[in-house]
Amino acid sequence: MNETLNYYNQTAKDFVADTVSADLSQIHQRFLSYLPANATILDLGCGSGRDAKAFIEAGYTVTAVDGAEECCKLAETLIGRPVDCLLFDQLEEDSQFDGIWACASLLHVPFAELPDIFNRIVTALKPGGTFYASFKYGDFEGMRGGRYFTDLNEERLAKLMEKVEGMAIVETFLTGDARVGRGDEQWFNLVGEKE
């Protein structure tokens, strides 16, 4: 994980420039359709702050966190509020959020460590709360382009969920990459609900 965090700290400006304008509005609406009015949302691994900004502008109460200090600084500038530097395994909230949004962030966690992170997410959600995450589609795991990646597909998700308590997957769907020129890359999206 250190190599991945170093990558983001060193390339934060370029990364933000590359991702901040990606249009995820359709996925936002899909996620928000599960949430109550005035919901509290945790943007877990907020990167540029793009999604947190959209949720704030839509009237939600948003907490944004990221593991890379340089991304936190840039996201703070974008959303106009503090962004805490927090690693996934430092998530310790209990029944705090109606929704947890983890767009293209948990894909940097080794597969063996994902059950612990998912269980932390379950704990942090209010009863009936909704969890969204996206991963590159497939079964690759390892270093790619200076970062650690864990890809996910239906089979790997089923294996992962055997070790997660108190959450049901309510839907999965595939999308293309929202960034310009990368639409042929497939993303595996999942929505879970705390039971």
C-alpha atoms as a PDB file:
ATOM      1  CA  MET A   1       0.000   0.000   0.000  1.00  0.00           C
ATOM      2  CA  ASN A   2       2.924   2.349   0.681  1.00  0.00           C
ATOM      3  CA  GLU A   3       3.999   2.296  -2.968  1.00  0.00           C
ATOM      4  CA  THR A   4       0.463   3.135  -4.032  1.00  0.00           C
ATOM      5  CA  LEU A   5       0.190   6.009  -1.544  1.00  0.00           C
ATOM      6  CA  ASN A   6       3.583   7.301  -2.679  1.00  0.00           C
ATOM      7  CA  TYR A   7       2.355   7.171  -6.275  1.00  0.00           C
ATOM      8  CA  TYR A   8      -0.684   9.317  -5.445  1.00  0.00           C
ATOM      9  CA  ASN A   9       1.275  11.749  -3.296  1.00  0.00           C
ATOM     10  CA  GLN A  10       3.803  12.251  -6.109  1.00  0.00           C
ATOM     11  CA  THR A  11       1.289  12.469  -8.956  1.00  0.00           C
ATOM     12  CA  ALA A  12      -1.673  14.088  -7.164  1.00  0.00           C
ATOM     13  CA  LYS A  13      -1.946  17.131  -9.445  1.00  0.00           C
ATOM     14  CA  ASP A  14      -1.885  15.055 -12.644  1.00  0.00           C
ATOM     15  CA  PHE A  15      -4.230  12.443 -11.155  1.00  0.00           C
ATOM     16  CA  VAL A  16      -6.753  15.081 -10.107  1.00  0.00           C
ATOM     17  CA  ALA A  17      -6.551  16.811 -13.489  1.00  0.00           C
ATOM     18  CA  ASP A  18      -7.209  13.432 -15.173  1.00  0.00           C
ATOM     19  CA  THR A  19     -10.186  12.427 -13.029  1.00  0.00           C
ATOM     20  CA  VAL A  20     -11.916  15.547 -11.674  1.00  0.00           C
ATOM     21  CA  SER A  21     -14.107  16.116 -14.732  1.00  0.00           C
ATOM     22  CA  ALA A  22     -15.150  12.484 -15.322  1.00  0.00           C
ATOM     23  CA  ASP A  23     -18.935  12.337 -15.497  1.00  0.00           C
ATOM     24  CA  LEU A  24     -20.277   9.797 -13.002  1.00  0.00           C
ATOM     25  CA  SER A  25     -23.678  11.461 -12.649  1.00  0.00           C
ATOM     26  CA  GLN A  26     -25.608   8.337 -13.703  1.00  0.00           C
ATOM     27  CA  ILE A  27     -23.826   6.208 -11.097  1.00  0.00           C
ATOM     28  CA  HIS A  28     -24.305   8.972  -8.507  1.00  0.00           C
ATOM     29  CA  GLN A  29     -28.058   8.883  -9.152  1.00  0.00           C
ATOM     30  CA  ARG A  30     -28.122   5.106  -8.905  1.00  0.00           C
ATOM     31  CA  PHE A  31     -26.364   5.241  -5.498  1.00  0.00           C
ATOM     32  CA  LEU A  32     -28.413   8.175  -4.190  1.00  0.00           C
ATOM     33  CA  SER A  33     -31.684   6.432  -5.122  1.00  0.00           C
ATOM     34  CA  TYR A  34     -31.039   4.054  -2.203  1.00  0.00           C
ATOM     35  CA  LEU A  35     -30.519   6.856   0.340  1.00  0.00           C
ATOM     36  CA  PRO A  36     -33.020   8.842   2.415  1.00  0.00           C
ATOM     37  CA  ALA A  37     -33.384  12.605   2.034  1.00  0.00           C
ATOM     38  CA  ASN A  38     -30.670  14.548   3.906  1.00  0.00           C
ATOM     39  CA  ALA A  39     -28.535  11.396   4.113  1.00  0.00           C
ATOM     40  CA  THR A  40     -25.031  11.329   5.570  1.00  0.00           C
ATOM     41  CA  ILE A  41     -22.412  10.025   3.122  1.00  0.00           C
ATOM     42  CA  LEU A  42     -18.796   8.967   3.634  1.00  0.00           C
ATOM     43  CA  ASP A  43     -16.683   9.369   0.491  1.00  0.00           C
ATOM     44  CA  LEU A  44     -14.077   6.713   1.289  1.00  0.00           C
ATOM     45  CA  GLY A  45     -10.986   7.391  -0.815  1.00  0.00           C
ATOM     46  CA  CYS A  46     -12.279  10.620  -2.310  1.00  0.00           C
ATOM     47  CA  GLY A  47      -9.309  11.290  -4.628  1.00  0.00           C
ATOM     48  CA  SER A  48      -9.930  14.635  -6.314  1.00  0.00           C
ATOM     49  CA  GLY A  49     -13.096  15.287  -4.303  1.00  0.00           C
ATOM     50  CA  ARG A  50     -15.206  15.156  -7.485  1.00  0.00           C
ATOM     51  CA  ASP A  51     -17.916  12.893  -6.073  1.00  0.00           C
ATOM     52  CA  ALA A  52     -17.992  14.521  -2.623  1.00  0.00           C
ATOM     53  CA  LYS A  53     -18.546  17.877  -4.365  1.00  0.00           C
ATOM     54  CA  ALA A  54     -21.458  16.470  -6.384  1.00  0.00           C
ATOM     55  CA  PHE A  55     -23.082  14.998  -3.262  1.00  0.00           C
ATOM     56  CA  ILE A  56     -22.614  18.244  -1.295  1.00  0.00           C
ATOM     57  CA  GLU A  57     -24.139  20.243  -4.143  1.00  0.00           C
ATOM     58  CA  ALA A  58     -27.101  17.828  -4.142  1.00  0.00           C
ATOM     59  CA  GLY A  59     -27.733  18.682  -0.480  1.00  0.00           C
ATOM     60  CA  TYR A  60     -26.204  15.700   1.325  1.00  0.00           C
ATOM     61  CA  THR A  61     -24.028  15.812   4.455  1.00  0.00           C
ATOM     62  CA  VAL A  62     -20.653  14.519   3.271  1.00  0.00           C
ATOM     63  CA  THR A  63     -17.499  13.397   5.055  1.00  0.00           C
ATOM     64  CA  ALA A  64     -14.580  12.991   2.632  1.00  0.00           C
ATOM     65  CA  VAL A  65     -11.402  11.043   3.434  1.00  0.00           C
ATOM     66  CA  ASP A  66      -8.394   9.821   1.478  1.00  0.00           C
ATOM     67  CA  GLY A  67      -5.169   8.020   2.322  1.00  0.00           C
ATOM     68  CA  ALA A  68      -2.895  10.283   0.247  1.00  0.00           C
ATOM     69  CA  GLU A  69      -2.123  13.617   1.922  1.00  0.00           C
ATOM     70  CA  GLU A  70      -1.606  15.454  -1.376  1.00  0.00           C
ATOM     71  CA  CYS A  71      -4.993  14.297  -2.685  1.00  0.00           C
ATOM     72  CA  CYS A  72      -6.593  15.445   0.590  1.00  0.00           C
ATOM     73  CA  LYS A  73      -5.169  18.958   0.088  1.00  0.00           C
ATOM     74  CA  LEU A  74      -6.429  19.197  -3.496  1.00  0.00           C
ATOM     75  CA  ALA A  75      -9.838  17.761  -2.591  1.00  0.00           C
ATOM     76  CA  GLU A  76     -10.157  20.309   0.249  1.00  0.00           C
ATOM     77  CA  THR A  77      -9.629  23.090  -2.278  1.00  0.00           C
ATOM     78  CA  LEU A  78     -12.291  21.638  -4.574  1.00  0.00           C
ATOM     79  CA  ILE A  79     -14.996  21.035  -1.965  1.00  0.00           C
ATOM     80  CA  GLY A  80     -14.171  23.932   0.351  1.00  0.00           C
ATOM     81  CA  ARG A  81     -14.063  21.903   3.548  1.00  0.00           C
ATOM     82  CA  PRO A  82     -11.602  19.686   5.450  1.00  0.00           C
ATOM     83  CA  VAL A  83     -10.701  16.250   4.081  1.00  0.00           C
ATOM     84  CA  ASP A  84      -9.236  13.852   6.640  1.00  0.00           C
ATOM     85  CA  CYS A  85      -6.207  11.741   5.748  1.00  0.00           C
ATOM     86  CA  LEU A  86      -7.389   8.258   6.685  1.00  0.00           C
ATOM     87  CA  LEU A  87      -6.377   4.759   5.615  1.00  0.00           C
ATOM     88  CA  PHE A  88      -9.126   2.203   5.040  1.00  0.00           C
ATOM     89  CA  ASP A  89      -8.048   0.085   8.017  1.00  0.00           C
ATOM     90  CA  GLN A  90      -8.380   3.150  10.259  1.00  0.00           C
ATOM     91  CA  LEU A  91     -12.136   3.369   9.664  1.00  0.00           C
ATOM     92  CA  GLU A  92     -13.651   2.936  13.127  1.00  0.00           C
ATOM     93  CA  GLU A  93     -17.026   4.721  13.008  1.00  0.00           C
ATOM     94  CA  ASP A  94     -20.068   2.879  14.289  1.00  0.00           C
ATOM     95  CA  SER A  95     -23.508   3.359  12.660  1.00  0.00           C
ATOM     96  CA  GLN A  96     -22.580   6.851  11.426  1.00  0.00           C
ATOM     97  CA  PHE A  97     -23.482   6.928   7.731  1.00  0.00           C
ATOM     98  CA  ASP A  98     -26.532   6.325   5.554  1.00  0.00           C
ATOM     99  CA  GLY A  99     -24.231   5.710   2.588  1.00  0.00           C
ATOM    100  CA  ILE A 100     -20.570   4.907   1.965  1.00  0.00           C
ATOM    101  CA  TRP A 101     -19.201   5.658  -1.491  1.00  0.00           C
ATOM    102  CA  ALA A 102     -15.882   4.020  -2.455  1.00  0.00           C
ATOM    103  CA  CYS A 103     -15.383   4.786  -6.137  1.00  0.00           C
ATOM    104  CA  ALA A 104     -12.164   3.292  -7.568  1.00  0.00           C
ATOM    105  CA  SER A 105     -10.503   3.353  -4.155  1.00  0.00           C
ATOM    106  CA  LEU A 106     -10.783  -0.078  -2.516  1.00  0.00           C
ATOM    107  CA  LEU A 107      -9.263  -1.582  -5.667  1.00  0.00           C
ATOM    108  CA  HIS A 108      -5.860  -0.776  -4.123  1.00  0.00           C
ATOM    109  CA  VAL A 109      -6.482  -3.111  -1.149  1.00  0.00           C
ATOM    110  CA  PRO A 110      -5.064  -6.657  -1.419  1.00  0.00           C
ATOM    111  CA  PHE A 111      -7.871  -9.205  -1.860  1.00  0.00           C
ATOM    112  CA  ALA A 112      -6.976 -10.941   1.430  1.00  0.00           C
ATOM    113  CA  GLU A 113      -7.501  -7.657   3.310  1.00  0.00           C
ATOM    114  CA  LEU A 114     -10.819  -6.705   1.679  1.00  0.00           C
ATOM    115  CA  PRO A 115     -13.042  -8.712   4.095  1.00  0.00           C
ATOM    116  CA  ASP A 116     -11.731  -6.662   7.041  1.00  0.00           C
ATOM    117  CA  ILE A 117     -12.353  -3.391   5.184  1.00  0.00           C
ATOM    118  CA  PHE A 118     -15.850  -4.478   4.093  1.00  0.00           C
ATOM    119  CA  ASN A 119     -16.676  -5.459   7.684  1.00  0.00           C
ATOM    120  CA  ARG A 120     -15.472  -2.027   8.880  1.00  0.00           C
ATOM    121  CA  ILE A 121     -17.769  -0.457   6.289  1.00  0.00           C
ATOM    122  CA  VAL A 122     -20.712  -2.528   7.543  1.00  0.00           C
ATOM    123  CA  THR A 123     -20.018  -1.314  11.092  1.00  0.00           C
ATOM    124  CA  ALA A 124     -19.771   2.325   9.963  1.00  0.00           C
ATOM    125  CA  LEU A 125     -23.139   2.174   8.166  1.00  0.00           C
ATOM    126  CA  LYS A 126     -26.447   2.803   9.872  1.00  0.00           C
ATOM    127  CA  PRO A 127     -28.907  -0.130   9.739  1.00  0.00           C
ATOM    128  CA  GLY A 128     -30.238  -0.322   6.184  1.00  0.00           C
ATOM    129  CA  GLY A 129     -27.337   1.832   4.959  1.00  0.00           C
ATOM    130  CA  THR A 130     -25.990   1.546   1.416  1.00  0.00           C
ATOM    131  CA  PHE A 131     -22.443   0.849   0.223  1.00  0.00           C
ATOM    132  CA  TYR A 132     -21.122   1.478  -3.296  1.00  0.00           C
ATOM    133  CA  ALA A 133     -17.723   0.419  -4.624  1.00  0.00           C
ATOM    134  CA  SER A 134     -16.082   0.018  -8.029  1.00  0.00           C
ATOM    135  CA  PHE A 135     -13.188  -2.119  -9.177  1.00  0.00           C
ATOM    136  CA  LYS A 136     -11.574  -2.798 -12.524  1.00  0.00           C
ATOM    137  CA  TYR A 137     -13.296  -5.878 -13.954  1.00  0.00           C
ATOM    138  CA  GLY A 138     -11.338  -9.131 -13.872  1.00  0.00           C
ATOM    139  CA  ASP A 139      -9.267 -11.340 -11.617  1.00  0.00           C
ATOM    140  CA  PHE A 140      -5.825  -9.669 -11.764  1.00  0.00           C
ATOM    141  CA  GLU A 141      -4.038  -8.813  -8.535  1.00  0.00           C
ATOM    142  CA  GLY A 142      -0.644  -7.127  -8.227  1.00  0.00           C
ATOM    143  CA  MET A 143       1.377  -4.085  -9.243  1.00  0.00           C
ATOM    144  CA  ARG A 144       0.331  -2.245 -12.387  1.00  0.00           C
ATOM    145  CA  GLY A 145       1.694   1.154 -13.399  1.00  0.00           C
ATOM    146  CA  GLY A 146       3.255   1.912 -10.013  1.00  0.00           C
ATOM    147  CA  ARG A 147       0.136   1.012  -7.990  1.00  0.00           C
ATOM    148  CA  TYR A 148      -1.268  -2.149  -6.416  1.00  0.00           C
ATOM    149  CA  PHE A 149      -4.552  -3.315  -7.919  1.00  0.00           C
ATOM    150  CA  THR A 150      -7.123  -5.928  -6.961  1.00  0.00           C
ATOM    151  CA  ASP A 151      -9.575  -6.507  -9.797  1.00  0.00           C
ATOM    152  CA  LEU A 152     -12.987  -7.972  -9.059  1.00  0.00           C
ATOM    153  CA  ASN A 153     -15.597  -9.982 -10.926  1.00  0.00           C
ATOM    154  CA  GLU A 154     -18.745 -11.844  -9.894  1.00  0.00           C
ATOM    155  CA  GLU A 155     -16.863 -14.958  -8.767  1.00  0.00           C
ATOM    156  CA  ARG A 156     -14.299 -13.060  -6.687  1.00  0.00           C
ATOM    157  CA  LEU A 157     -17.040 -10.926  -5.123  1.00  0.00           C
ATOM    158  CA  ALA A 158     -18.942 -14.059  -4.069  1.00  0.00           C
ATOM    159  CA  LYS A 159     -15.766 -15.419  -2.459  1.00  0.00           C
ATOM    160  CA  LEU A 160     -15.149 -12.112  -0.676  1.00  0.00           C
ATOM    161  CA  MET A 161     -18.715 -11.861   0.642  1.00  0.00           C
ATOM    162  CA  GLU A 162     -18.393 -15.275   2.338  1.00  0.00           C
ATOM    163  CA  LYS A 163     -16.240 -13.447   4.902  1.00  0.00           C
ATOM    164  CA  VAL A 164     -18.404 -10.350   5.305  1.00  0.00           C
ATOM    165  CA  GLU A 165     -21.167 -10.312   7.912  1.00  0.00           C
ATOM    166  CA  GLY A 166     -24.298  -8.181   7.896  1.00  0.00           C
ATOM    167  CA  MET A 167     -24.277  -7.006   4.283  1.00  0.00           C
ATOM    168  CA  ALA A 168     -26.206  -8.199   1.236  1.00  0.00           C
ATOM    169  CA  ILE A 169     -25.206  -7.314  -2.323  1.00  0.00           C
ATOM    170  CA  VAL A 170     -28.304  -5.798  -3.935  1.00  0.00           C
ATOM    171  CA  GLU A 171     -26.892  -5.230  -7.427  1.00  0.00           C
ATOM    172  CA  THR A 172     -23.770  -5.390  -9.571  1.00  0.00           C
ATOM    173  CA  PHE A 173     -23.307  -3.783 -12.975  1.00  0.00           C
ATOM    174  CA  LEU A 174     -20.577  -3.114 -15.522  1.00  0.00           C
ATOM    175  CA  THR A 175     -19.676   0.326 -16.881  1.00  0.00           C
ATOM    176  CA  GLY A 176     -17.049   1.748 -19.212  1.00  0.00           C
ATOM    177  CA  ASP A 177     -14.369   4.108 -17.921  1.00  0.00           C
ATOM    178  CA  ALA A 178     -15.755   7.654 -17.646  1.00  0.00           C
ATOM    179  CA  ARG A 179     -12.431   9.255 -18.580  1.00  0.00           C
ATOM    180  CA  VAL A 180     -11.875  10.485 -22.120  1.00  0.00           C
ATOM    181  CA  GLY A 181     -10.342   7.863 -24.417  1.00  0.00           C
ATOM    182  CA  ARG A 182     -10.711   5.000 -21.922  1.00  0.00           C
ATOM    183  CA  GLY A 183     -14.297   3.904 -22.514  1.00  0.00           C
ATOM    184  CA  ASP A 184     -13.192   0.386 -23.492  1.00  0.00           C
ATOM    185  CA  GLU A 185     -11.967  -0.308 -19.924  1.00  0.00           C
ATOM    186  CA  GLN A 186     -14.612  -2.179 -17.939  1.00  0.00           C
ATOM    187  CA  TRP A 187     -15.494  -1.407 -14.328  1.00  0.00           C
ATOM    188  CA  PHE A 188     -17.305  -3.722 -11.926  1.00  0.00           C
ATOM    189  CA  ASN A 189     -19.720  -1.769  -9.742  1.00  0.00           C
ATOM    190  CA  LEU A 190     -21.414  -3.149  -6.646  1.00  0.00           C
ATOM    191  CA  VAL A 191     -24.103  -1.901  -4.299  1.00  0.00           C
ATOM    192  CA  GLY A 192     -24.499  -3.492  -0.883  1.00  0.00           C
ATOM    193  CA  GLU A 193     -26.971  -2.915   1.929  1.00  0.00           C
ATOM    194  CA  LYS A 194     -26.424  -3.329   5.658  1.00  0.00           C
ATOM    195  CA  GLU A 195     -28.876  -5.873   6.963  1.00  0.00           C
END
